Amino acid sequence: MKEIMTKNGYEKISQEIKLIKTVKIKEITIEIEAALEHGDLKENAEYHSAKENLDNLGRKLEELGVILANANIVDPTEYEHNTIKFGSTFTIEDEDTEEEVTYTVVGNTESDLDKGLISMNSPLMKQLMGESEGGSLTIKLPNGEKDYEVIKVWFDGSKFE
């Protein structure tokens, strides 16, 4: 399955792979060598911990490699953002509480709710995709339904730097 992401998202994963290969694996290899000097491996906690960390890095490299191999890089500057779609930034308002939230739609690997980056495959986004400014809709949430209005939809290039 193709993984939609921005060029920036692709580059971040590529940099993470490079960091693992050039720094982290070497650091763990040094830890393993130091632990081997302590002798008996059966009861050598440092050795087993370092080996486990090395195995985890191997799995992480494999996962990141699969993501890059299946990457579909989309440039959100190439289309208008008159409706909510990949790359759009939007503000919605809870019609009951008048609380506003702003998100930018990104791929799975780029999502970070603390930074306002929401995956286009999240349950919320599946309901919001294609909505335009001024639109009202009822969104199904785990704790029930809520009515929202789409206040604004635009493209914010700074979110992809």
Foldseek 3Di string as FASTA:
>chain_A
DAWEFAPLLLVVLVVVLVCCVPPVLVVLVVQLVVQVVVPDPVPRPSNVVSVVVNVVSVVVNVVSVVNNVRYDHDDVVPDFWQAQDQQKWWWKAFPVPRDIDIAGEGTPSPADVVVRYDYCPDQQNVVRGGHGAQDWDWGQDPVGITIMGTHHIGHDCVSSD
